[in-house]
């Protein structure tokens, strides 16, 4: 039997040192990161709907009916402003309109023409992802030695096209 120190020495003397190389993200499948990846942006970078539903503006009062004025789809970049008593249909991941107090999931409303009626009053901030809730700027998004098993959308989103990997 050998000592722990002798075992460590054997391992260190017989294990090759890996070199790292910068690879484009699209060619990184199956490689292991040799550096931590820091996010260059906040994710999400805007207030985002966490559910399919309706962004409502109730501004300190609690109405149960809202006028449907807009539809905001995931990926829409146009600025939308809601006024008190208005709502916008939103998709999961969509930028929520300015003035939104909460997003009410679609199962909790009834729609009659351009008016929605709430089955339950939401609380301020319900179903709204805050800026940076997933990852804050300069936080570790993926740490070495992570194995890249898919061409990760997250890494792409945080503005990294090439990374260092062990070879």
Foldseek 3Di string as FASTA:
>chain_A
DDDPVVVVVVCVVPDDDWDKDKDFLVPQAFFWFPFFDFFQAAVVQAKFFQAFAKFAAAPPHWDFKAFEDEEFEAPDDDAAADDHRHIYGYHGNTHGHPRGQEGDHHVQWDDDPRMIGGNDTDHGHYRIQHTRNVHHGGDGPGGPRDHRNDSDPVSVVSPDRMGMTTD
